[in-house]
């Protein structure tokens, strides 16, 4: 009697970003990162994220290299990091090769775990300065900056990019830049797959990753619209070859997003979380700088509640940190209903 065939074993591919990523001897576990966000990923926010645990590393806000040359780097709240934050990647805005080495030398006091060159930011003020996506478009200047950074920095060096300008030859330009990054000694590339001028409401084109991972020897990290484990699993085929995942606005809304990735349903006490953030900001920043950071955080945080528009409006109407604190606490102390899934509409 013939032997019945055994069923084929089920092979489950690891979830993108779940494994470790090792670059120049530094291992990031898991390869899920809290993305750089202007006005958000300062030390106080990174501490809050670290309190809940989960990311393999956290990015700073984008730091202007020229500003670094005149800042008191040891005292600057923008630059500080605390051991509790874990691994920290400092993102730089560098517009010319001549200042790269001096900027890195001044930043060394904080012992970055990696440096990231921003070649993605589409904000008009950044573009006017020849940085972000404008640097990506200027190949000779980009090469000069990259080679200067690589000479001055022996550690992990990454580059964050978009797809470039939506010209007919955008794909050729993108592939050219990937080759340039490899030639200049970059260790990994973070790709936010939107064109330069596309707002976050436009869909990120993750379907490009299967081709792109075969066209470069560098690890590619995916960014854009990757809010949680369910989102990544839905994109599993497109993201199968990427080396890591960046989570941005979801972490701004829910600083515990990385904890919830492996602990579904986790939800800390909203009132205690907001109060803790306020304490961290006041510890790090002078009072005059507390208000804008508190306002930004509260606007994102409001998306966790069924009637969060009330908290959002209250935060935008406030004119001082004390006024915002009073309004936010009045809302949170009522024990507002939280949403199972926050409203992420338009955040990217």
Protein backbone atom coordinates (compact mmCIF):
# COMPACT_ATOMS: atom_id res chain seq x y z
CA UNK A 1 0.00 0.00 0.00
CA UNK A 2 1.49 3.35 -0.96
CA UNK A 3 2.43 5.62 1.89
CA UNK A 4 0.24 8.70 2.15
CA UNK A 5 2.11 11.88 1.40
CA UNK A 6 2.81 14.02 4.41
CA UNK A 7 1.51 17.57 4.30
CA UNK A 8 4.12 20.15 3.41
CA UNK A 9 5.41 22.05 6.42
CA UNK A 10 4.09 25.54 6.86
CA UNK A 11 6.85 28.11 6.60
CA UNK A 12 6.08 31.51 8.03
CA UNK A 13 8.37 34.30 6.93
CA UNK A 14 9.49 36.59 9.72
CA UNK A 15 7.57 39.82 9.99
CA UNK A 16 9.53 42.68 8.38
CA UNK A 17 11.43 44.56 11.04
CA UNK A 18 11.12 41.82 13.65
CA UNK A 19 14.67 40.54 13.41
CA UNK A 20 17.92 42.23 14.31
CA UNK A 21 19.84 44.52 11.95
CA UNK A 22 23.61 44.74 12.38
CA UNK A 23 25.56 47.58 10.76
CA UNK A 24 29.29 48.06 11.40
CA UNK A 25 29.10 45.86 14.45
CA UNK A 26 26.14 47.67 16.03
CA UNK A 27 22.99 45.56 16.35
CA UNK A 28 19.54 47.11 16.41
CA UNK A 29 16.96 44.75 17.89
CA UNK A 30 14.31 44.74 16.63
CA UNK A 31 14.85 46.56 13.35
CA UNK A 32 11.91 48.82 14.14
CA UNK A 33 12.85 52.46 14.61
CA UNK A 34 11.11 55.56 15.86
CA UNK A 35 11.42 57.89 12.87
CA UNK A 36 12.77 61.45 13.02
CA UNK A 37 9.98 64.03 13.33
CA UNK A 38 10.40 67.78 13.61
CA UNK A 39 9.05 69.12 16.87
CA UNK A 40 8.46 65.61 18.21
CA UNK A 41 11.52 63.38 18.63
CA UNK A 42 13.44 65.44 21.15
CA UNK A 43 14.92 63.83 24.25
CA UNK A 44 11.78 64.21 26.38
CA UNK A 45 9.66 62.36 23.82
CA UNK A 46 12.31 59.69 23.27
CA UNK A 47 12.41 59.04 27.02
CA UNK A 48 8.66 58.55 27.01
CA UNK A 49 8.88 56.07 24.12
CA UNK A 50 11.67 54.23 25.94
CA UNK A 51 9.57 54.01 29.11
CA UNK A 52 7.18 51.72 27.25
CA UNK A 53 9.95 49.89 25.37
CA UNK A 54 10.09 48.31 21.96
CA UNK A 55 12.11 50.20 19.32
CA UNK A 56 15.56 49.12 18.23
CA UNK A 57 16.60 52.78 18.14
CA UNK A 58 15.11 56.27 18.16
CA UNK A 59 15.98 59.15 15.84
CA UNK A 60 16.52 62.74 16.87
CA UNK A 61 14.86 65.63 15.14
CA UNK A 62 16.80 66.88 12.12
CA UNK A 63 19.80 68.87 13.37
CA UNK A 64 21.36 71.59 11.22
CA UNK A 65 25.13 71.06 10.92
CA UNK A 66 25.78 74.78 10.62
CA UNK A 67 23.76 75.42 13.78
CA UNK A 68 25.92 72.83 15.56
CA UNK A 69 29.00 74.96 14.96
CA UNK A 70 27.71 77.76 17.16
CA UNK A 71 25.63 75.86 19.72
CA UNK A 72 26.76 74.99 23.25
CA UNK A 73 26.60 71.28 22.50
CA UNK A 74 27.03 70.13 26.09
CA UNK A 75 24.11 72.20 27.37
CA UNK A 76 21.76 72.14 24.39
CA UNK A 77 18.40 70.44 25.15
CA UNK A 78 18.11 69.73 21.44
CA UNK A 79 21.19 67.53 21.46
CA UNK A 80 21.02 65.84 24.83
CA UNK A 81 20.33 62.16 25.21
CA UNK A 82 19.84 60.07 28.31
CA UNK A 83 20.92 56.46 28.89
CA UNK A 84 17.28 55.41 29.30
CA UNK A 85 16.60 56.25 25.65
CA UNK A 86 18.63 53.30 24.39
CA UNK A 87 20.27 53.61 20.98
CA UNK A 88 19.94 57.07 19.44
CA UNK A 89 20.50 57.97 15.79
CA UNK A 90 21.26 61.65 15.19
CA UNK A 91 19.80 62.97 11.95
CA UNK A 92 21.76 65.77 10.29
CA UNK A 93 21.01 68.48 7.76
CA UNK A 94 24.27 69.11 5.91
CA UNK A 95 24.32 71.41 2.90
CA UNK A 96 28.03 71.62 2.09
CA UNK A 97 30.99 69.27 2.57
CA UNK A 98 33.19 71.89 4.26
CA UNK A 99 31.30 71.84 7.55
CA UNK A 100 30.70 68.09 7.88
CA UNK A 101 33.82 67.22 9.85
CA UNK A 102 33.49 70.12 12.29
CA UNK A 103 29.84 69.33 12.94
CA UNK A 104 30.58 65.68 13.65
CA UNK A 105 33.44 66.60 15.94
CA UNK A 106 31.15 68.80 18.03
CA UNK A 107 28.41 66.18 18.13
CA UNK A 108 30.79 63.48 19.34
CA UNK A 109 30.27 64.45 22.99
CA UNK A 110 26.85 62.72 22.84
CA UNK A 111 28.27 59.50 21.32
CA UNK A 112 25.68 58.88 18.59
CA UNK A 113 24.97 55.25 17.81
CA UNK A 114 24.59 56.26 14.16
CA UNK A 115 24.26 59.32 11.94
CA UNK A 116 21.59 59.84 9.31
CA UNK A 117 21.79 62.36 6.48
CA UNK A 118 18.40 63.85 5.63
CA UNK A 119 17.89 63.89 1.87
CA UNK A 120 14.11 63.61 2.08
CA UNK A 121 12.57 66.64 3.76
CA UNK A 122 10.27 68.54 1.33
CA UNK A 123 9.53 71.51 3.63
CA UNK A 124 9.96 74.80 1.72
CA UNK A 125 12.31 76.31 4.32
CA UNK A 126 14.58 73.28 4.12
CA UNK A 127 14.54 73.26 0.33
CA UNK A 128 15.41 76.95 0.18
CA UNK A 129 18.57 76.15 2.08
CA UNK A 130 19.54 73.44 -0.41
CA UNK A 131 18.93 70.66 2.08
CA UNK A 132 16.62 67.65 2.29
CA UNK A 133 15.21 66.69 -1.11
CA UNK A 134 17.16 69.50 -2.80
CA UNK A 135 20.42 67.86 -1.74
CA UNK A 136 19.15 64.56 -3.18
CA UNK A 137 18.56 66.31 -6.52
CA UNK A 138 22.04 67.92 -6.63
CA UNK A 139 24.25 64.92 -7.35
CA UNK A 140 27.71 66.59 -7.25
CA UNK A 141 26.99 68.36 -3.97
CA UNK A 142 25.39 65.22 -2.53
CA UNK A 143 28.48 63.19 -3.36
CA UNK A 144 30.71 65.80 -1.76
CA UNK A 145 28.67 65.80 1.45
CA UNK A 146 28.57 62.01 1.63
CA UNK A 147 32.30 61.59 1.14
CA UNK A 148 33.00 64.28 3.74
CA UNK A 149 30.72 62.57 6.24
CA UNK A 150 32.28 59.19 5.60
CA UNK A 151 35.82 60.55 6.08
CA UNK A 152 34.86 62.20 9.35
CA UNK A 153 32.60 59.53 10.82
CA UNK A 154 33.73 55.90 11.23
CA UNK A 155 30.40 54.69 12.61
CA UNK A 156 27.05 53.75 11.11
CA UNK A 157 25.95 56.19 8.40
CA UNK A 158 22.48 56.08 6.87
CA UNK A 159 20.64 58.28 4.39
CA UNK A 160 16.91 59.06 4.38
CA UNK A 161 15.36 59.73 0.99
CA UNK A 162 12.13 59.99 -0.96
CA UNK A 163 11.58 58.88 -4.56
CA UNK A 164 12.77 62.23 -5.88
CA UNK A 165 10.98 64.51 -8.29
CA UNK A 166 8.15 62.96 -10.35
CA UNK A 167 10.00 63.39 -13.64
CA UNK A 168 9.92 60.77 -16.42
CA UNK A 169 13.40 59.59 -15.42
CA UNK A 170 12.71 59.39 -11.66
CA UNK A 171 13.48 55.66 -11.53
CA UNK A 172 16.86 56.06 -13.23
CA UNK A 173 17.71 58.92 -10.87
CA UNK A 174 16.74 56.87 -7.83
CA UNK A 175 18.83 53.88 -8.93
CA UNK A 176 21.75 56.18 -9.63
CA UNK A 177 21.55 57.58 -6.10
CA UNK A 178 21.42 54.09 -4.61
CA UNK A 179 24.65 53.26 -6.43
CA UNK A 180 26.17 56.54 -5.27
CA UNK A 181 25.30 55.79 -1.65
CA UNK A 182 27.01 52.42 -1.87
CA UNK A 183 30.10 53.91 -3.52
CA UNK A 184 30.35 56.57 -0.79
CA UNK A 185 30.29 54.07 2.07
CA UNK A 186 26.72 54.53 3.30
CA UNK A 187 25.59 51.60 5.43
CA UNK A 188 21.82 51.63 4.88
CA UNK A 189 19.14 53.66 3.10
CA UNK A 190 15.77 54.70 4.53
CA UNK A 191 13.20 55.12 1.79
CA UNK A 192 9.92 56.97 2.23
CA UNK A 193 8.29 55.95 -1.07
CA UNK A 194 6.53 59.17 -1.96
CA UNK A 195 7.67 61.78 -4.45
CA UNK A 196 9.18 65.02 -3.23
CA UNK A 197 6.06 67.13 -3.60
CA UNK A 198 3.51 64.58 -2.38
CA UNK A 199 1.77 65.25 0.89
CA UNK A 200 1.30 62.57 3.51
CA UNK A 201 -2.30 62.03 2.37
CA UNK A 202 -0.95 60.40 -0.79
CA UNK A 203 -0.33 56.67 -0.60
CA UNK A 204 3.20 55.45 0.04
CA UNK A 205 4.31 53.13 -2.80
CA UNK A 206 5.61 50.14 -0.86
CA UNK A 207 5.15 47.94 -3.93
CA UNK A 208 8.43 49.38 -5.22
CA UNK A 209 10.52 47.67 -2.56
CA UNK A 210 10.71 44.16 -4.12
CA UNK A 211 12.47 45.61 -7.16
CA UNK A 212 14.61 48.11 -5.29
CA UNK A 213 16.04 45.63 -2.80
CA UNK A 214 17.44 43.70 -5.76
CA UNK A 215 19.04 46.79 -7.29
CA UNK A 216 21.29 47.76 -4.40
CA UNK A 217 23.66 45.93 -2.08
CA UNK A 218 22.66 48.23 0.78
CA UNK A 219 19.97 47.33 3.30
CA UNK A 220 16.74 49.25 2.65
CA UNK A 221 14.55 50.42 5.51
CA UNK A 222 10.91 51.22 4.79
CA UNK A 223 9.11 54.34 5.96
CA UNK A 224 5.69 55.87 5.40
CA UNK A 225 2.21 54.68 6.47
CA UNK A 226 3.63 51.82 8.55
CA UNK A 227 1.63 52.38 11.70
CA UNK A 228 1.50 49.02 13.45
CA UNK A 229 1.97 45.28 13.15
CA UNK A 230 -1.32 44.81 11.28
CA UNK A 231 -0.34 47.41 8.68
CA UNK A 232 3.03 45.74 8.12
CA UNK A 233 1.47 42.30 7.83
CA UNK A 234 -0.92 43.56 5.17
CA UNK A 235 2.13 44.80 3.25
CA UNK A 236 4.16 41.65 3.98
CA UNK A 237 4.79 40.70 0.35
CA UNK A 238 5.98 44.18 -0.61
CA UNK A 239 8.14 44.51 2.50
CA UNK A 240 9.57 40.99 2.54
CA UNK A 241 13.04 42.11 1.47
CA UNK A 242 13.43 45.23 3.60
CA UNK A 243 15.91 45.26 6.47
CA UNK A 244 13.87 47.39 8.86
CA UNK A 245 10.79 49.52 9.49
CA UNK A 246 10.44 53.15 10.58
CA UNK A 247 7.33 54.17 12.49
CA UNK A 248 6.61 57.89 12.58
CA UNK A 249 3.27 59.55 13.24
CA UNK A 250 1.73 56.54 14.97
CA UNK A 251 4.44 56.86 17.61
CA UNK A 252 3.72 60.59 17.88
CA UNK A 253 0.07 59.74 18.59
CA UNK A 254 0.85 56.72 20.78
CA UNK A 255 4.35 56.76 22.29
CA UNK A 256 3.64 53.18 23.39
CA UNK A 257 3.20 52.04 19.76
CA UNK A 258 6.31 49.85 19.85
CA UNK A 259 5.20 48.16 23.06
CA UNK A 260 1.78 47.52 21.52
CA UNK A 261 3.49 45.89 18.53
CA UNK A 262 4.29 42.82 20.63
CA UNK A 263 1.72 43.41 23.39
CA UNK A 264 -1.53 43.96 21.46
CA UNK A 265 -4.14 45.92 23.31
CA UNK A 266 -1.65 47.58 25.62
CA UNK A 267 -2.89 51.02 26.64
CA UNK A 268 -1.30 53.04 29.44
CA UNK A 269 -3.22 55.48 31.57
CA UNK A 270 -3.63 58.57 29.31
CA UNK A 271 -3.58 61.06 32.16
CA UNK A 272 -0.40 59.65 33.68
CA UNK A 273 1.24 59.48 30.24
CA UNK A 274 0.47 63.11 29.44
CA UNK A 275 1.67 64.25 32.86
CA UNK A 276 4.89 62.28 32.48
CA UNK A 277 5.59 63.92 29.15
CA UNK A 278 5.02 67.34 30.68
CA UNK A 279 7.47 66.55 33.47
CA UNK A 280 10.12 65.37 30.99
CA UNK A 281 9.75 68.47 28.80
CA UNK A 282 10.02 70.79 31.80
CA UNK A 283 13.09 68.92 32.97
CA UNK A 284 14.82 69.30 29.60
CA UNK A 285 13.72 72.69 28.26
CA UNK A 286 13.51 76.24 29.57
CA UNK A 287 9.93 77.31 30.25
CA UNK A 288 9.75 79.43 27.08
CA UNK A 289 10.41 76.32 24.99
CA UNK A 290 8.01 74.05 26.85
CA UNK A 291 4.83 75.42 25.28
CA UNK A 292 5.43 74.61 21.57
CA UNK A 293 6.56 71.08 22.38
CA UNK A 294 3.63 70.49 24.70
CA UNK A 295 1.22 71.86 22.11
CA UNK A 296 2.60 69.62 19.36
CA UNK A 297 2.46 66.53 21.56
CA UNK A 298 -1.09 67.25 22.72
CA UNK A 299 -2.37 67.76 19.18
CA UNK A 300 -1.18 64.26 18.27
CA UNK A 301 -2.25 62.75 21.61
CA UNK A 302 -5.81 64.00 21.09
CA UNK A 303 -6.32 61.45 18.32
CA UNK A 304 -6.54 58.69 20.94
CA UNK A 305 -9.98 59.83 22.15
CA UNK A 306 -13.49 59.60 20.80
CA UNK A 307 -13.99 63.30 21.43
CA UNK A 308 -10.36 64.17 20.93
CA UNK A 309 -11.27 67.18 18.81
CA UNK A 310 -12.09 68.91 22.09
CA UNK A 311 -8.56 68.36 23.37
CA UNK A 312 -7.11 69.37 20.01
CA UNK A 313 -9.05 72.64 19.95
CA UNK A 314 -8.12 73.36 23.55
CA UNK A 315 -4.43 72.84 22.79
CA UNK A 316 -4.55 75.10 19.76
CA UNK A 317 -6.42 77.85 21.59
CA UNK A 318 -3.98 77.95 24.52
CA UNK A 319 -1.34 80.67 24.54
CA UNK A 320 0.90 79.53 27.40
CA UNK A 321 2.10 76.20 28.79
CA UNK A 322 0.17 76.83 32.02
CA UNK A 323 -3.04 77.47 30.10
CA UNK A 324 -2.54 74.38 27.97
CA UNK A 325 -1.81 72.29 31.05
CA UNK A 326 -5.03 73.41 32.72
CA UNK A 327 -7.14 72.73 29.63
CA UNK A 328 -5.57 69.33 28.93
CA UNK A 329 -5.92 68.15 32.51
CA UNK A 330 -9.56 69.26 32.60
CA UNK A 331 -10.19 67.01 29.58
CA UNK A 332 -8.09 64.04 30.71
CA UNK A 333 -9.28 64.01 34.30
CA UNK A 334 -12.81 63.35 33.04
CA UNK A 335 -11.64 59.91 31.92
CA UNK A 336 -12.49 60.35 28.22
CA UNK A 337 -13.27 57.30 26.12
CA UNK A 338 -10.23 56.05 24.21
CA UNK A 339 -10.35 54.66 20.70
CA UNK A 340 -9.29 51.12 19.96
CA UNK A 341 -7.56 52.49 16.85
CA UNK A 342 -6.57 56.16 16.80
CA UNK A 343 -7.52 58.37 13.89
CA UNK A 344 -4.43 58.45 11.67
CA UNK A 345 -6.09 60.21 8.75
CA UNK A 346 -3.71 62.45 6.83
CA UNK A 347 -0.71 61.78 9.07
CA UNK A 348 1.27 59.43 6.78
